[in-house]
C-alpha cells in the first residue's frame, strides 16, 4: 500500500530534500530524504527544525 502525500515547503540542503506533509491522521510531519543514488537515507520528524538539522548533518556513505 502506498501513501499519497502532498509535500509542501520543499527545500534542498546539499543532496537532501526537506519537506512538510500531513500524515494519514492529519498531523503535520516533516521529512528529510537524500536524493543521491543508492543512499537510501530518509527520516520523518515532528518538527521542521529537526528535519533540517538531520539534512545538514547527513553524510552519504555511498561513493
Protein backbone atom coordinates (compact mmCIF):
# COMPACT_ATOMS: atom_id res chain seq x y z
CA UNK A 1 0.00 0.00 0.00
CA UNK A 2 1.47 3.34 -1.00
CA UNK A 3 0.93 6.63 0.75
CA UNK A 4 -0.29 9.54 -1.36
CA UNK A 5 1.46 12.53 0.19
CA UNK A 6 1.40 16.12 -0.97
CA UNK A 7 4.67 17.70 0.00
CA UNK A 8 4.93 21.43 0.56
CA UNK A 9 7.69 23.79 1.62
CA UNK A 10 10.29 21.65 -0.13
CA UNK A 11 13.87 22.88 0.29
CA UNK A 12 17.15 21.33 -0.71
CA UNK A 13 20.11 21.24 1.69
CA UNK A 14 23.02 19.67 -0.17
CA UNK A 15 21.80 16.34 -1.56
CA UNK A 16 18.96 16.16 1.00
CA UNK A 17 15.45 17.46 0.42
CA UNK A 18 13.35 18.57 3.39
CA UNK A 19 9.56 18.79 3.03
CA UNK A 20 6.39 19.16 5.11
CA UNK A 21 3.28 16.99 4.72
CA UNK A 22 0.21 15.80 6.62
CA UNK A 23 0.15 12.14 7.68
CA UNK A 24 -2.91 9.89 7.49
CA UNK A 25 -4.26 11.26 10.78
CA UNK A 26 -4.00 14.90 9.75
CA UNK A 27 -0.88 15.68 11.78
CA UNK A 28 1.83 17.83 10.27
CA UNK A 29 5.06 15.88 9.71
CA UNK A 30 8.44 16.76 8.24
CA UNK A 31 10.71 14.50 6.24
CA UNK A 32 14.34 14.56 5.15
CA UNK A 33 15.37 12.37 2.22
CA UNK A 34 18.70 12.10 0.41
CA UNK A 35 18.50 12.22 -3.39
CA UNK A 36 21.93 10.70 -4.04
CA UNK A 37 21.88 7.40 -5.95
CA UNK A 38 21.90 4.30 -3.71
CA UNK A 39 21.97 6.33 -0.47
CA UNK A 40 18.56 5.41 0.96
CA UNK A 41 18.56 7.99 3.79
CA UNK A 42 15.04 9.08 4.74
CA UNK A 43 13.56 10.04 8.09
CA UNK A 44 10.35 11.60 9.43
CA UNK A 45 10.20 14.14 12.25
CA UNK A 46 7.58 16.04 14.23
CA UNK A 47 9.43 19.36 13.91
CA UNK A 48 10.82 21.16 10.89
CA UNK A 49 13.96 22.15 12.79
CA UNK A 50 14.81 18.51 13.49
CA UNK A 51 14.41 17.57 9.82
CA UNK A 52 16.62 20.45 8.70
CA UNK A 53 19.26 19.55 11.30
CA UNK A 54 19.28 15.95 10.07
CA UNK A 55 19.71 17.22 6.50
CA UNK A 56 22.67 19.39 7.47
CA UNK A 57 24.33 16.60 9.47
CA UNK A 58 23.79 13.85 6.85
CA UNK A 59 26.86 12.46 5.13
CA UNK A 60 26.41 9.93 2.32
CA UNK A 61 28.48 6.80 2.71
CA UNK A 62 27.99 5.88 -0.96
CA UNK A 63 30.77 6.94 -3.31
